[in-house]
Amino acid sequence: QEGGAFYRGDSDLYQRQEDIEDDDAADGVESSKDGLDKKPEWRVALERAMKKNRSQVWSKWFQLATVRQDNTPANRTVVFRGFVEGSDEFYIVTDNRSEKCNEIANNNAAEIAWYFTITREQLRIRGQVA
């Protein structure tokens, strides 16, 4: 039994281990210059990191931390399946019977930690899971 989980990423917390030059155009990562449909900074950085690390199969894996009923963190690795069309929401697939589904139903606060080995970048994104 699979169910989709949508992660609404916020730029509340964004961190990179190394400063990477802002070379979006050279990498083919587009961000609007007029600001009308500008992507959030975290998404531009994520798309750039994914492009630079695409040769590594595990570059689509990230850690998703949720909150258990006793208010302790629960962390697991999930696979990034893309963005929900027309949004900045992450799309992941999970079994509806998994503990994370119960945790999300109880408290939808979550945080992602995503490490890219080639560029040595770590992105942390906090938001809500639906």
N, C-alpha and C. Protein backbone atom coordinates (compact mmCIF):
# COMPACT_ATOMS: atom_id res chain seq x y z
N GLN A 1 0.85 -1.18 0.00
CA GLN A 1 0.00 0.00 0.00
C GLN A 1 0.88 1.23 0.00
N GLU A 2 0.89 1.91 -1.12
CA GLU A 2 1.70 3.11 -1.20
C GLU A 2 0.82 4.34 -1.09
N GLY A 3 1.37 5.35 -0.51
CA GLY A 3 0.70 6.62 -0.43
C GLY A 3 1.71 7.71 -0.70
N GLY A 4 1.29 8.78 -1.29
CA GLY A 4 2.21 9.88 -1.55
C GLY A 4 2.29 10.80 -0.36
N ALA A 5 3.44 11.33 -0.13
CA ALA A 5 3.62 12.33 0.92
C ALA A 5 4.16 13.59 0.26
N PHE A 6 3.57 14.69 0.56
CA PHE A 6 4.01 15.95 0.00
C PHE A 6 4.68 16.76 1.09
N TYR A 7 5.88 17.19 0.82
CA TYR A 7 6.64 17.94 1.79
C TYR A 7 6.69 19.39 1.35
N ARG A 8 6.17 20.26 2.15
CA ARG A 8 6.21 21.68 1.85
C ARG A 8 7.47 22.26 2.44
N GLY A 9 8.45 22.48 1.63
CA GLY A 9 9.73 22.99 2.12
C GLY A 9 9.68 24.49 2.34
N ASP A 10 10.16 24.93 3.44
CA ASP A 10 10.30 26.34 3.74
C ASP A 10 11.78 26.67 3.77
N SER A 11 12.08 27.93 3.58
CA SER A 11 13.47 28.33 3.66
C SER A 11 13.83 28.80 5.07
N ASP A 12 13.10 28.30 6.07
CA ASP A 12 13.38 28.67 7.45
C ASP A 12 14.82 28.36 7.83
N LEU A 13 15.32 27.24 7.35
CA LEU A 13 16.67 26.82 7.71
C LEU A 13 17.35 26.32 6.46
N TYR A 14 18.41 26.98 6.07
CA TYR A 14 19.15 26.63 4.87
C TYR A 14 20.62 26.71 5.21
N GLN A 15 21.36 25.66 4.92
CA GLN A 15 22.77 25.64 5.31
C GLN A 15 23.57 24.87 4.28
N ARG A 16 24.72 25.41 3.90
CA ARG A 16 25.64 24.69 3.03
C ARG A 16 26.96 24.57 3.76
N GLN A 17 27.63 23.42 3.59
CA GLN A 17 28.90 23.23 4.26
C GLN A 17 30.01 24.04 3.61
N GLU A 18 29.93 24.25 2.32
CA GLU A 18 30.93 25.04 1.62
C GLU A 18 30.22 26.10 0.80
N ASP A 19 30.87 27.23 0.61
CA ASP A 19 30.32 28.24 -0.28
C ASP A 19 30.58 27.79 -1.70
N ILE A 20 29.53 27.73 -2.48
CA ILE A 20 29.61 27.36 -3.88
C ILE A 20 29.28 28.60 -4.69
N GLU A 21 30.08 28.89 -5.72
CA GLU A 21 29.83 30.07 -6.54
C GLU A 21 28.43 30.02 -7.11
N ASP A 22 27.84 31.18 -7.19
CA ASP A 22 26.48 31.28 -7.71
C ASP A 22 26.52 31.24 -9.24
N ASP A 23 26.61 30.02 -9.77
CA ASP A 23 26.74 29.85 -11.21
C ASP A 23 25.53 29.15 -11.79
N ASP A 24 24.35 29.61 -11.42
CA ASP A 24 23.10 28.98 -11.85
C ASP A 24 23.01 28.91 -13.38
N ALA A 25 23.30 29.99 -14.06
CA ALA A 25 23.15 30.00 -15.51
C ALA A 25 24.07 28.98 -16.16
N ALA A 26 25.29 28.87 -15.69
CA ALA A 26 26.23 27.91 -16.25
C ALA A 26 25.78 26.48 -16.01
N ASP A 27 25.05 26.25 -14.94
CA ASP A 27 24.58 24.91 -14.61
C ASP A 27 23.21 24.60 -15.20
N GLY A 28 22.59 25.56 -15.84
CA GLY A 28 21.28 25.33 -16.42
C GLY A 28 20.15 25.40 -15.41
N VAL A 29 20.40 25.95 -14.23
CA VAL A 29 19.35 26.10 -13.22
C VAL A 29 18.79 27.50 -13.38
N GLU A 30 17.52 27.58 -13.71
CA GLU A 30 16.89 28.85 -14.00
C GLU A 30 16.23 29.46 -12.77
N SER A 31 16.42 30.75 -12.62
CA SER A 31 15.64 31.50 -11.65
C SER A 31 15.27 32.82 -12.30
N SER A 32 14.05 33.24 -12.13
CA SER A 32 13.56 34.43 -12.79
C SER A 32 14.27 35.67 -12.27
N LYS A 33 14.73 36.51 -13.17
CA LYS A 33 15.41 37.74 -12.79
C LYS A 33 14.43 38.85 -12.44
N ASP A 34 13.19 38.75 -12.96
CA ASP A 34 12.22 39.80 -12.68
C ASP A 34 11.47 39.59 -11.37
N GLY A 35 11.68 38.44 -10.73
CA GLY A 35 11.08 38.19 -9.43
C GLY A 35 9.65 37.71 -9.46
N LEU A 36 9.02 37.64 -10.65
CA LEU A 36 7.62 37.24 -10.72
C LEU A 36 7.42 35.77 -10.36
N ASP A 37 8.27 34.92 -10.88
CA ASP A 37 8.15 33.49 -10.58
C ASP A 37 9.49 32.97 -10.07
N LYS A 38 10.13 33.78 -9.27
CA LYS A 38 11.45 33.44 -8.75
C LYS A 38 11.37 32.25 -7.80
N LYS A 39 12.30 31.33 -7.99
CA LYS A 39 12.37 30.16 -7.11
C LYS A 39 13.02 30.56 -5.79
N PRO A 40 12.62 29.93 -4.70
CA PRO A 40 13.28 30.20 -3.42
C PRO A 40 14.76 29.81 -3.50
N GLU A 41 15.57 30.48 -2.73
CA GLU A 41 17.02 30.23 -2.73
C GLU A 41 17.33 28.75 -2.48
N TRP A 42 16.61 28.12 -1.54
CA TRP A 42 16.89 26.72 -1.24
C TRP A 42 16.62 25.82 -2.44
N ARG A 43 15.58 26.15 -3.23
CA ARG A 43 15.27 25.30 -4.39
C ARG A 43 16.31 25.46 -5.49
N VAL A 44 16.77 26.67 -5.73
CA VAL A 44 17.83 26.89 -6.72
C VAL A 44 19.07 26.12 -6.30
N ALA A 45 19.44 26.22 -5.01
CA ALA A 45 20.62 25.49 -4.51
C ALA A 45 20.43 23.98 -4.63
N LEU A 46 19.22 23.49 -4.32
CA LEU A 46 18.94 22.06 -4.41
C LEU A 46 19.03 21.58 -5.86
N GLU A 47 18.42 22.30 -6.78
CA GLU A 47 18.46 21.89 -8.18
C GLU A 47 19.89 21.90 -8.71
N ARG A 48 20.67 22.89 -8.30
CA ARG A 48 22.07 22.96 -8.72
C ARG A 48 22.85 21.77 -8.16
N ALA A 49 22.66 21.47 -6.88
CA ALA A 49 23.36 20.34 -6.26
C ALA A 49 22.95 19.02 -6.90
N MET A 50 21.66 18.86 -7.18
CA MET A 50 21.20 17.61 -7.80
C MET A 50 21.81 17.45 -9.19
N LYS A 51 21.90 18.53 -9.94
CA LYS A 51 22.49 18.46 -11.28
C LYS A 51 23.97 18.08 -11.20
N LYS A 52 24.70 18.71 -10.29
CA LYS A 52 26.13 18.43 -10.16
C LYS A 52 26.42 17.05 -9.60
N ASN A 53 25.47 16.47 -8.87
CA ASN A 53 25.67 15.17 -8.22
C ASN A 53 24.87 14.05 -8.88
N ARG A 54 24.31 14.31 -10.04
CA ARG A 54 23.41 13.33 -10.67
C ARG A 54 24.06 12.00 -11.00
N SER A 55 25.38 11.94 -11.09
CA SER A 55 26.06 10.66 -11.37
C SER A 55 26.02 9.72 -10.17
N GLN A 56 25.68 10.22 -9.01
CA GLN A 56 25.61 9.41 -7.79
C GLN A 56 24.17 8.99 -7.56
N VAL A 57 23.91 7.68 -7.61
CA VAL A 57 22.53 7.19 -7.46
C VAL A 57 21.90 7.66 -6.15
N TRP A 58 22.69 7.77 -5.11
CA TRP A 58 22.16 8.15 -3.79
C TRP A 58 21.91 9.65 -3.67
N SER A 59 22.17 10.42 -4.71
CA SER A 59 21.91 11.86 -4.61
C SER A 59 20.42 12.17 -4.52
N LYS A 60 19.55 11.18 -4.77
CA LYS A 60 18.11 11.37 -4.63
C LYS A 60 17.61 10.97 -3.24
N TRP A 61 18.50 10.52 -2.39
CA TRP A 61 18.12 10.09 -1.04
C TRP A 61 18.34 11.24 -0.06
N PHE A 62 17.40 11.44 0.84
CA PHE A 62 17.60 12.42 1.90
C PHE A 62 17.01 11.87 3.19
N GLN A 63 17.37 12.49 4.30
CA GLN A 63 16.87 12.07 5.60
C GLN A 63 15.69 12.97 5.97
N LEU A 64 14.61 12.32 6.35
CA LEU A 64 13.40 13.02 6.77
C LEU A 64 13.18 12.75 8.25
N ALA A 65 13.19 13.82 9.03
CA ALA A 65 12.95 13.70 10.47
C ALA A 65 11.54 14.19 10.78
N THR A 66 10.81 13.37 11.51
CA THR A 66 9.47 13.73 11.97
C THR A 66 9.46 13.67 13.49
N VAL A 67 8.30 13.91 14.08
CA VAL A 67 8.17 13.94 15.54
C VAL A 67 7.26 12.80 15.98
N ARG A 68 7.78 11.96 16.89
CA ARG A 68 6.97 10.86 17.45
C ARG A 68 5.93 11.43 18.43
N GLN A 69 4.99 10.58 18.84
CA GLN A 69 3.97 11.03 19.79
C GLN A 69 4.55 11.46 21.13
N ASP A 70 5.72 10.89 21.50
CA ASP A 70 6.35 11.30 22.77
C ASP A 70 7.27 12.51 22.58
N ASN A 71 7.13 13.19 21.44
CA ASN A 71 7.89 14.40 21.09
C ASN A 71 9.38 14.17 20.89
N THR A 72 9.81 12.95 20.62
CA THR A 72 11.20 12.68 20.26
C THR A 72 11.30 12.59 18.74
N PRO A 73 12.47 12.90 18.19
CA PRO A 73 12.61 12.86 16.73
C PRO A 73 12.70 11.43 16.20
N ALA A 74 12.19 11.25 15.00
CA ALA A 74 12.31 9.98 14.27
C ALA A 74 12.89 10.33 12.90
N ASN A 75 13.96 9.66 12.51
CA ASN A 75 14.66 10.00 11.28
C ASN A 75 14.76 8.77 10.39
N ARG A 76 14.60 8.96 9.09
CA ARG A 76 14.74 7.86 8.15
C ARG A 76 15.14 8.42 6.78
N THR A 77 15.67 7.54 5.94
CA THR A 77 16.05 7.91 4.59
C THR A 77 14.87 7.66 3.66
N VAL A 78 14.57 8.64 2.81
CA VAL A 78 13.51 8.51 1.82
C VAL A 78 14.07 8.91 0.45
N VAL A 79 13.32 8.61 -0.59
CA VAL A 79 13.76 8.89 -1.96
C VAL A 79 12.97 10.07 -2.52
N PHE A 80 13.68 11.04 -3.04
CA PHE A 80 13.07 12.19 -3.69
C PHE A 80 12.53 11.76 -5.05
N ARG A 81 11.23 11.94 -5.26
CA ARG A 81 10.59 11.54 -6.52
C ARG A 81 10.30 12.73 -7.42
N GLY A 82 10.69 13.91 -6.98
CA GLY A 82 10.46 15.11 -7.77
C GLY A 82 9.63 16.11 -6.99
N PHE A 83 9.29 17.18 -7.66
CA PHE A 83 8.43 18.20 -7.07
C PHE A 83 7.01 18.00 -7.57
N VAL A 84 6.05 18.31 -6.72
CA VAL A 84 4.66 18.33 -7.15
C VAL A 84 4.55 19.45 -8.18
N GLU A 85 3.96 19.14 -9.32
CA GLU A 85 3.91 20.09 -10.43
C GLU A 85 3.33 21.43 -10.01
N GLY A 86 4.04 22.49 -10.38
CA GLY A 86 3.58 23.84 -10.10
C GLY A 86 3.78 24.29 -8.67
N SER A 87 4.61 23.56 -7.90
CA SER A 87 4.81 23.93 -6.49
C SER A 87 6.26 23.68 -6.08
N ASP A 88 6.55 24.04 -4.85
CA ASP A 88 7.85 23.75 -4.24
C ASP A 88 7.73 22.57 -3.27
N GLU A 89 6.68 21.79 -3.40
CA GLU A 89 6.46 20.63 -2.53
C GLU A 89 7.20 19.41 -3.05
N PHE A 90 7.87 18.71 -2.13
CA PHE A 90 8.57 17.48 -2.47
C PHE A 90 7.55 16.35 -2.60
N TYR A 91 7.83 15.41 -3.48
CA TYR A 91 6.98 14.23 -3.61
C TYR A 91 7.80 13.01 -3.21
N ILE A 92 7.31 12.28 -2.20
CA ILE A 92 7.93 11.03 -1.78
C ILE A 92 6.83 9.98 -1.68
N VAL A 93 7.21 8.72 -1.75
CA VAL A 93 6.25 7.62 -1.68
C VAL A 93 6.55 6.80 -0.44
N THR A 94 5.49 6.40 0.27
CA THR A 94 5.66 5.60 1.47
C THR A 94 4.50 4.63 1.62
N ASP A 95 4.69 3.63 2.43
CA ASP A 95 3.63 2.68 2.75
C ASP A 95 2.71 3.33 3.79
N ASN A 96 1.42 3.32 3.55
CA ASN A 96 0.46 3.94 4.48
C ASN A 96 0.51 3.35 5.87
N ARG A 97 1.05 2.15 6.02
CA ARG A 97 1.11 1.49 7.32
C ARG A 97 2.37 1.86 8.11
N SER A 98 3.24 2.65 7.52
CA SER A 98 4.50 2.98 8.18
C SER A 98 4.29 3.91 9.37
N GLU A 99 5.23 3.88 10.30
CA GLU A 99 5.15 4.74 11.49
C GLU A 99 5.16 6.21 11.11
N LYS A 100 5.90 6.55 10.06
CA LYS A 100 5.97 7.97 9.70
C LYS A 100 4.60 8.54 9.36
N CYS A 101 3.71 7.73 8.81
CA CYS A 101 2.35 8.21 8.51
C CYS A 101 1.60 8.56 9.79
N ASN A 102 1.73 7.74 10.81
CA ASN A 102 1.11 8.05 12.11
C ASN A 102 1.73 9.30 12.73
N GLU A 103 3.06 9.42 12.63
CA GLU A 103 3.75 10.58 13.19
C GLU A 103 3.30 11.86 12.49
N ILE A 104 3.19 11.81 11.17
CA ILE A 104 2.78 12.98 10.39
C ILE A 104 1.34 13.36 10.71
N ALA A 105 0.47 12.37 10.88
CA ALA A 105 -0.93 12.64 11.23
C ALA A 105 -1.02 13.34 12.58
N ASN A 106 -0.13 13.00 13.50
CA ASN A 106 -0.12 13.57 14.84
C ASN A 106 0.54 14.95 14.88
N ASN A 107 1.62 15.12 14.11
CA ASN A 107 2.38 16.37 14.10
C ASN A 107 3.07 16.45 12.74
N ASN A 108 2.68 17.40 11.91
CA ASN A 108 3.22 17.44 10.55
C ASN A 108 4.51 18.24 10.41
N ALA A 109 5.11 18.65 11.51
CA ALA A 109 6.41 19.34 11.45
C ALA A 109 7.49 18.34 11.07
N ALA A 110 8.39 18.76 10.20
CA ALA A 110 9.46 17.86 9.74
C ALA A 110 10.67 18.68 9.30
N GLU A 111 11.79 17.98 9.18
CA GLU A 111 13.00 18.60 8.65
C GLU A 111 13.73 17.59 7.78
N ILE A 112 14.28 18.10 6.69
CA ILE A 112 15.07 17.30 5.76
C ILE A 112 16.54 17.65 5.95
N ALA A 113 17.39 16.63 5.91
CA ALA A 113 18.84 16.83 5.80
C ALA A 113 19.28 16.08 4.55
N TRP A 114 19.95 16.78 3.65
CA TRP A 114 20.31 16.21 2.35
C TRP A 114 21.77 16.52 2.09
N TYR A 115 22.58 15.48 1.97
CA TYR A 115 24.02 15.66 1.75
C TYR A 115 24.39 15.20 0.35
N PHE A 116 25.16 16.02 -0.33
CA PHE A 116 25.65 15.73 -1.68
C PHE A 116 27.15 15.52 -1.63
N THR A 117 27.58 14.31 -2.01
CA THR A 117 28.98 13.92 -1.82
C THR A 117 29.94 14.60 -2.78
N ILE A 118 29.56 14.82 -4.01
CA ILE A 118 30.50 15.41 -4.98
C ILE A 118 30.77 16.87 -4.64
N THR A 119 29.74 17.64 -4.40
CA THR A 119 29.90 19.06 -4.10
C THR A 119 30.10 19.35 -2.62
N ARG A 120 29.98 18.31 -1.81
CA ARG A 120 30.15 18.43 -0.35
C ARG A 120 29.24 19.51 0.24
N GLU A 121 28.00 19.47 -0.19
CA GLU A 121 26.99 20.40 0.30
C GLU A 121 26.00 19.67 1.18
N GLN A 122 25.54 20.34 2.20
CA GLN A 122 24.44 19.83 3.01
C GLN A 122 23.34 20.87 3.02
N LEU A 123 22.13 20.44 2.69
CA LEU A 123 20.97 21.32 2.75
C LEU A 123 20.06 20.81 3.85
N ARG A 124 19.58 21.71 4.67
CA ARG A 124 18.59 21.38 5.70
C ARG A 124 17.39 22.27 5.45
N ILE A 125 16.24 21.64 5.32
CA ILE A 125 15.01 22.36 5.00
C ILE A 125 13.93 21.94 5.98
N ARG A 126 13.31 22.92 6.59
CA ARG A 126 12.27 22.65 7.59
C ARG A 126 10.91 23.04 7.01
N GLY A 127 9.88 22.25 7.33
CA GLY A 127 8.55 22.56 6.82
C GLY A 127 7.50 21.65 7.40
N GLN A 128 6.42 21.46 6.65
CA GLN A 128 5.32 20.60 7.07
C GLN A 128 5.11 19.51 6.03
N VAL A 129 4.67 18.35 6.51
CA VAL A 129 4.37 17.22 5.64
C VAL A 129 2.86 17.05 5.62
N ALA A 130 2.32 16.75 4.45
CA ALA A 130 0.88 16.55 4.31
C ALA A 130 0.59 15.17 3.76
